[in-house]
PDB file of N, CA and C in Angstrom:
ATOM      1  N   MET A   1      79.011  76.404  72.092  1.00  0.00           N
ATOM      2  CA  MET A   1      78.836  76.155  70.670  1.00  0.00           C
ATOM      3  C   MET A   1      78.912  74.643  70.446  1.00  0.00           C
ATOM      4  N   SER A   2      77.967  74.103  69.689  1.00  0.00           N
ATOM      5  CA  SER A   2      77.956  72.664  69.434  1.00  0.00           C
ATOM      6  C   SER A   2      78.952  72.301  68.340  1.00  0.00           C
ATOM      7  N   GLU A   3      79.237  70.996  68.229  1.00  0.00           N
ATOM      8  CA  GLU A   3      80.189  70.533  67.216  1.00  0.00           C
ATOM      9  C   GLU A   3      79.718  70.878  65.808  1.00  0.00           C
ATOM     10  N   ALA A   4      78.425  70.785  65.557  1.00  0.00           N
ATOM     11  CA  ALA A   4      77.875  71.107  64.240  1.00  0.00           C
ATOM     12  C   ALA A   4      78.046  72.572  63.905  1.00  0.00           C
ATOM     13  N   GLU A   5      77.958  73.432  64.903  1.00  0.00           N
ATOM     14  CA  GLU A   5      78.124  74.864  64.682  1.00  0.00           C
ATOM     15  C   GLU A   5      79.572  75.232  64.434  1.00  0.00           C
ATOM     16  N   GLU A   6      80.507  74.435  64.964  1.00  0.00           N
ATOM     17  CA  GLU A   6      81.924  74.724  64.804  1.00  0.00           C
ATOM     18  C   GLU A   6      82.414  74.403  63.398  1.00  0.00           C
ATOM     19  N   ARG A   7      81.800  73.433  62.752  1.00  0.00           N
ATOM     20  CA  ARG A   7      82.212  73.078  61.390  1.00  0.00           C
ATOM     21  C   ARG A   7      81.654  74.099  60.409  1.00  0.00           C
ATOM     22  N   THR A   8      82.505  74.554  59.544  1.00  0.00           N
ATOM     23  CA  THR A   8      82.065  75.514  58.533  1.00  0.00           C
ATOM     24  C   THR A   8      82.552  75.059  57.174  1.00  0.00           C
ATOM     25  N   GLU A   9      81.788  75.372  56.186  1.00  0.00           N
ATOM     26  CA  GLU A   9      82.203  75.156  54.803  1.00  0.00           C
ATOM     27  C   GLU A   9      82.953  76.410  54.398  1.00  0.00           C
ATOM     28  N   GLY A  10      84.189  76.269  54.013  1.00  0.00           N
ATOM     29  CA  GLY A  10      84.966  77.449  53.689  1.00  0.00           C
ATOM     30  C   GLY A  10      85.776  77.264  52.438  1.00  0.00           C
ATOM     31  N   GLY A  11      86.481  78.286  52.095  1.00  0.00           N
ATOM     32  CA  GLY A  11      87.348  78.233  50.934  1.00  0.00           C
ATOM     33  C   GLY A  11      86.653  78.725  49.680  1.00  0.00           C
ATOM     34  N   ASP A  12      87.435  78.747  48.640  1.00  0.00           N
ATOM     35  CA  ASP A  12      86.928  79.214  47.360  1.00  0.00           C
ATOM     36  C   ASP A  12      86.363  78.052  46.557  1.00  0.00           C
ATOM     37  N   PRO A  13      85.429  78.332  45.665  1.00  0.00           N
ATOM     38  CA  PRO A  13      84.840  77.259  44.865  1.00  0.00           C
ATOM     39  C   PRO A  13      85.864  76.631  43.925  1.00  0.00           C
ATOM     40  N   VAL A  14      85.727  75.360  43.687  1.00  0.00           N
ATOM     41  CA  VAL A  14      86.636  74.630  42.811  1.00  0.00           C
ATOM     42  C   VAL A  14      86.589  75.177  41.389  1.00  0.00           C
ATOM     43  N   CYS A  15      85.491  75.720  40.996  1.00  0.00           N
ATOM     44  CA  CYS A  15      85.355  76.213  39.623  1.00  0.00           C
ATOM     45  C   CYS A  15      86.315  77.366  39.326  1.00  0.00           C
ATOM     46  N   TRP A  16      87.005  77.880  40.320  1.00  0.00           N
ATOM     47  CA  TRP A  16      87.979  78.954  40.096  1.00  0.00           C
ATOM     48  C   TRP A  16      89.350  78.415  39.717  1.00  0.00           C
ATOM     49  N   LEU A  17      89.512  77.091  39.670  1.00  0.00           N
ATOM     50  CA  LEU A  17      90.818  76.521  39.344  1.00  0.00           C
ATOM     51  C   LEU A  17      91.311  76.954  37.974  1.00  0.00           C
ATOM     52  N   ASN A  18      90.401  77.213  37.042  1.00  0.00           N
ATOM     53  CA  ASN A  18      90.832  77.655  35.718  1.00  0.00           C
ATOM     54  C   ASN A  18      91.385  79.072  35.742  1.00  0.00           C
ATOM     55  N   ARG A  19      91.312  79.730  36.892  1.00  0.00           N
ATOM     56  CA  ARG A  19      91.840  81.089  37.019  1.00  0.00           C
ATOM     57  C   ARG A  19      93.190  81.114  37.719  1.00  0.00           C
ATOM     58  N   VAL A  20      93.755  79.935  38.010  1.00  0.00           N
ATOM     59  CA  VAL A  20      95.040  79.842  38.698  1.00  0.00           C
ATOM     60  C   VAL A  20      96.109  79.409  37.704  1.00  0.00           C
ATOM     61  N   CYS A  21      97.220  80.125  37.697  1.00  0.00           N
ATOM     62  CA  CYS A  21      98.335  79.778  36.823  1.00  0.00           C
ATOM     63  C   CYS A  21      98.918  78.439  37.258  1.00  0.00           C
ATOM     64  N   ASP A  22      99.052  77.511  36.323  1.00  0.00           N
ATOM     65  CA  ASP A  22      99.608  76.195  36.631  1.00  0.00           C
ATOM     66  C   ASP A  22     101.066  76.278  37.067  1.00  0.00           C
ATOM     67  N   GLU A  23     101.780  77.263  36.589  1.00  0.00           N
ATOM     68  CA  GLU A  23     103.216  77.372  36.864  1.00  0.00           C
ATOM     69  C   GLU A  23     103.520  78.022  38.209  1.00  0.00           C
ATOM     70  N   CYS A  24     102.908  79.185  38.483  1.00  0.00           N
ATOM     71  CA  CYS A  24     103.287  79.926  39.693  1.00  0.00           C
ATOM     72  C   CYS A  24     102.162  80.074  40.715  1.00  0.00           C
ATOM     73  N   GLY A  25     100.933  79.710  40.348  1.00  0.00           N
ATOM     74  CA  GLY A  25      99.823  79.782  41.290  1.00  0.00           C
ATOM     75  C   GLY A  25      99.153  81.140  41.399  1.00  0.00           C
ATOM     76  N   ALA A  26      99.561  82.093  40.568  1.00  0.00           N
ATOM     77  CA  ALA A  26      98.940  83.422  40.603  1.00  0.00           C
ATOM     78  C   ALA A  26      97.493  83.331  40.147  1.00  0.00           C
ATOM     79  N   PHE A  27      96.647  84.164  40.722  1.00  0.00           N
ATOM     80  CA  PHE A  27      95.233  84.208  40.354  1.00  0.00           C
ATOM     81  C   PHE A  27      95.066  85.055  39.106  1.00  0.00           C
ATOM     82  N   ARG A  28      94.396  84.511  38.130  1.00  0.00           N
ATOM     83  CA  ARG A  28      94.169  85.193  36.851  1.00  0.00           C
ATOM     84  C   ARG A  28      92.932  86.071  36.965  1.00  0.00           C
ATOM     85  N   GLU A  29      93.141  87.368  37.098  1.00  0.00           N
ATOM     86  CA  GLU A  29      92.022  88.292  37.234  1.00  0.00           C
ATOM     87  C   GLU A  29      91.440  88.686  35.886  1.00  0.00           C
ATOM     88  N   ASP A  30      92.284  88.770  34.866  1.00  0.00           N
ATOM     89  CA  ASP A  30      91.839  89.154  33.527  1.00  0.00           C
ATOM     90  C   ASP A  30      91.710  87.893  32.675  1.00  0.00           C
ATOM     91  N   MET A  31      90.487  87.427  32.465  1.00  0.00           N
ATOM     92  CA  MET A  31      90.266  86.189  31.719  1.00  0.00           C
ATOM     93  C   MET A  31      90.553  86.345  30.227  1.00  0.00           C
ATOM     94  N   THR A  32      90.809  87.566  29.769  1.00  0.00           N
ATOM     95  CA  THR A  32      91.163  87.768  28.365  1.00  0.00           C
ATOM     96  C   THR A  32      92.673  87.713  28.155  1.00  0.00           C
ATOM     97  N   ALA A  33      93.433  87.697  29.238  1.00  0.00           N
ATOM     98  CA  ALA A  33      94.898  87.639  29.141  1.00  0.00           C
ATOM     99  C   ALA A  33      95.320  86.296  28.554  1.00  0.00           C
ATOM    100  N   VAL A  34      96.346  86.308  27.720  1.00  0.00           N
ATOM    101  CA  VAL A  34      96.826  85.079  27.096  1.00  0.00           C
ATOM    102  C   VAL A  34      97.977  84.455  27.875  1.00  0.00           C
ATOM    103  N   ALA A  35      98.548  85.214  28.826  1.00  0.00           N
ATOM    104  CA  ALA A  35      99.656  84.704  29.623  1.00  0.00           C
ATOM    105  C   ALA A  35      99.547  85.252  31.045  1.00  0.00           C
ATOM    106  N   CYS A  36     100.187  84.557  31.973  1.00  0.00           N
ATOM    107  CA  CYS A  36     100.178  84.948  33.380  1.00  0.00           C
ATOM    108  C   CYS A  36     100.888  86.287  33.555  1.00  0.00           C
ATOM    109  N   ALA A  37     100.280  87.195  34.302  1.00  0.00           N
ATOM    110  CA  ALA A  37     100.875  88.507  34.547  1.00  0.00           C
ATOM    111  C   ALA A  37     102.116  88.401  35.432  1.00  0.00           C
ATOM    112  N   ARG A  38     102.209  87.371  36.250  1.00  0.00           N
ATOM    113  CA  ARG A  38     103.352  87.233  37.153  1.00  0.00           C
ATOM    114  C   ARG A  38     104.541  86.557  36.486  1.00  0.00           C
ATOM    115  N   CYS A  39     104.310  85.381  35.847  1.00  0.00           N
ATOM    116  CA  CYS A  39     105.453  84.611  35.343  1.00  0.00           C
ATOM    117  C   CYS A  39     105.514  84.514  33.824  1.00  0.00           C
ATOM    118  N   GLY A  40     104.449  84.929  33.132  1.00  0.00           N
ATOM    119  CA  GLY A  40     104.461  84.916  31.674  1.00  0.00           C
ATOM    120  C   GLY A  40     104.075  83.593  31.033  1.00  0.00           C
ATOM    121  N   THR A  41     103.727  82.588  31.831  1.00  0.00           N
ATOM    122  CA  THR A  41     103.323  81.297  31.278  1.00  0.00           C
ATOM    123  C   THR A  41     102.026  81.453  30.488  1.00  0.00           C
ATOM    124  N   PRO A  42     102.007  80.984  29.240  1.00  0.00           N
ATOM    125  CA  PRO A  42     100.778  81.083  28.443  1.00  0.00           C
ATOM    126  C   PRO A  42      99.655  80.249  29.061  1.00  0.00           C
ATOM    127  N   PHE A  43      98.452  80.785  29.025  1.00  0.00           N
ATOM    128  CA  PHE A  43      97.289  80.044  29.490  1.00  0.00           C
ATOM    129  C   PHE A  43      96.804  79.144  28.372  1.00  0.00           C
ATOM    130  N   THR A  44      96.241  78.008  28.744  1.00  0.00           N
ATOM    131  CA  THR A  44      95.655  77.136  27.738  1.00  0.00           C
ATOM    132  C   THR A  44      94.379  77.787  27.223  1.00  0.00           C
ATOM    133  N   THR A  45      93.992  77.442  26.018  1.00  0.00           N
ATOM    134  CA  THR A  45      92.781  78.024  25.447  1.00  0.00           C
ATOM    135  C   THR A  45      91.531  77.395  26.025  1.00  0.00           C
ATOM    136  N   ASP A  46      91.647  76.188  26.586  1.00  0.00           N
ATOM    137  CA  ASP A  46      90.509  75.512  27.194  1.00  0.00           C
ATOM    138  C   ASP A  46      90.385  75.967  28.636  1.00  0.00           C
ATOM    139  N   THR A  47      89.464  76.896  28.918  1.00  0.00           N
ATOM    140  CA  THR A  47      89.346  77.450  30.260  1.00  0.00           C
ATOM    141  C   THR A  47      88.749  76.462  31.244  1.00  0.00           C
ATOM    142  N   GLY A  48      88.189  75.355  30.773  1.00  0.00           N
ATOM    143  CA  GLY A  48      87.646  74.348  31.672  1.00  0.00           C
ATOM    144  C   GLY A  48      88.621  73.232  31.968  1.00  0.00           C
ATOM    145  N   ALA A  49      89.874  73.359  31.537  1.00  0.00           N
ATOM    146  CA  ALA A  49      90.847  72.272  31.645  1.00  0.00           C
ATOM    147  C   ALA A  49      91.098  71.851  33.082  1.00  0.00           C
ATOM    148  N   ASN A  50      91.119  72.793  34.012  1.00  0.00           N
ATOM    149  CA  ASN A  50      91.443  72.450  35.391  1.00  0.00           C
ATOM    150  C   ASN A  50      90.219  72.189  36.254  1.00  0.00           C
ATOM    151  N   THR A  51      89.047  72.262  35.681  1.00  0.00           N
ATOM    152  CA  THR A  51      87.845  72.142  36.491  1.00  0.00           C
ATOM    153  C   THR A  51      87.208  70.780  36.436  1.00  0.00           C
ATOM    154  N   GLY A  52      87.675  69.937  35.548  1.00  0.00           N
ATOM    155  CA  GLY A  52      87.046  68.640  35.387  1.00  0.00           C
ATOM    156  C   GLY A  52      85.819  68.719  34.493  1.00  0.00           C
ATOM    157  N   ALA A  53      85.582  69.897  33.926  1.00  0.00           N
ATOM    158  CA  ALA A  53      84.432  70.063  33.052  1.00  0.00           C
ATOM    159  C   ALA A  53      84.657  69.295  31.757  1.00  0.00           C
ATOM    160  N   THR A  54      83.593  68.754  31.229  1.00  0.00           N
ATOM    161  CA  THR A  54      83.702  68.043  29.971  1.00  0.00           C
ATOM    162  C   THR A  54      82.900  68.772  28.899  1.00  0.00           C
ATOM    163  N   ALA A  55      83.406  68.696  27.694  1.00  0.00           N
ATOM    164  CA  ALA A  55      82.718  69.332  26.586  1.00  0.00           C
ATOM    165  C   ALA A  55      81.496  68.497  26.208  1.00  0.00           C
ATOM    166  N   PRO A  56      80.456  69.138  25.741  1.00  0.00           N
ATOM    167  CA  PRO A  56      79.283  68.384  25.292  1.00  0.00           C
ATOM    168  C   PRO A  56      79.667  67.475  24.134  1.00  0.00           C
ATOM    169  N   THR A  57      79.059  66.328  24.092  1.00  0.00           N
ATOM    170  CA  THR A  57      79.360  65.375  23.025  1.00  0.00           C
ATOM    171  C   THR A  57      78.191  65.267  22.085  1.00  0.00           C
ATOM    172  N   ASP A  58      78.487  64.854  20.876  1.00  0.00           N
ATOM    173  CA  ASP A  58      77.458  64.633  19.874  1.00  0.00           C
ATOM    174  C   ASP A  58      76.606  63.456  20.312  1.00  0.00           C
ATOM    175  N   SER A  59      75.310  63.544  20.097  1.00  0.00           N
ATOM    176  CA  SER A  59      74.417  62.471  20.521  1.00  0.00           C
ATOM    177  C   SER A  59      74.551  61.222  19.671  1.00  0.00           C
ATOM    178  N   GLY A  60      75.248  61.341  18.530  1.00  0.00           N
ATOM    179  CA  GLY A  60      75.454  60.172  17.675  1.00  0.00           C
ATOM    180  C   GLY A  60      74.347  59.966  16.663  1.00  0.00           C
ATOM    181  N   THR A  61      73.361  60.837  16.648  1.00  0.00           N
ATOM    182  CA  THR A  61      72.285  60.696  15.690  1.00  0.00           C
ATOM    183  C   THR A  61      72.556  61.563  14.485  1.00  0.00           C
ATOM    184  N   ALA A  62      72.282  61.026  13.323  1.00  0.00           N
ATOM    185  CA  ALA A  62      72.494  61.779  12.090  1.00  0.00           C
ATOM    186  C   ALA A  62      71.256  62.616  11.795  1.00  0.00           C
ATOM    187  N   THR A  63      71.517  63.826  11.305  1.00  0.00           N
ATOM    188  CA  THR A  63      70.402  64.691  10.890  1.00  0.00           C
ATOM    189  C   THR A  63      70.602  65.024   9.426  1.00  0.00           C
ATOM    190  N   ASP A  64      69.582  64.860   8.644  1.00  0.00           N
ATOM    191  CA  ASP A  64      69.662  65.153   7.211  1.00  0.00           C
ATOM    192  C   ASP A  64      68.824  66.335   6.876  1.00  0.00           C
TER     193      ASP A  64
END
């Protein structure tokens, strides 16, 4: 097996970080839950908070 064949891309996608409890690390399976099933820590309402996602911004142009 060559060196290139030995290297693999693995792991879970980063976009799943919003499904991990910040307090205990439990995986959030129910995205409608308001708190962690394991430790009870409330989830933030911004589901993109841990992903580095940014909210769309206004273009700055006025429309009348």
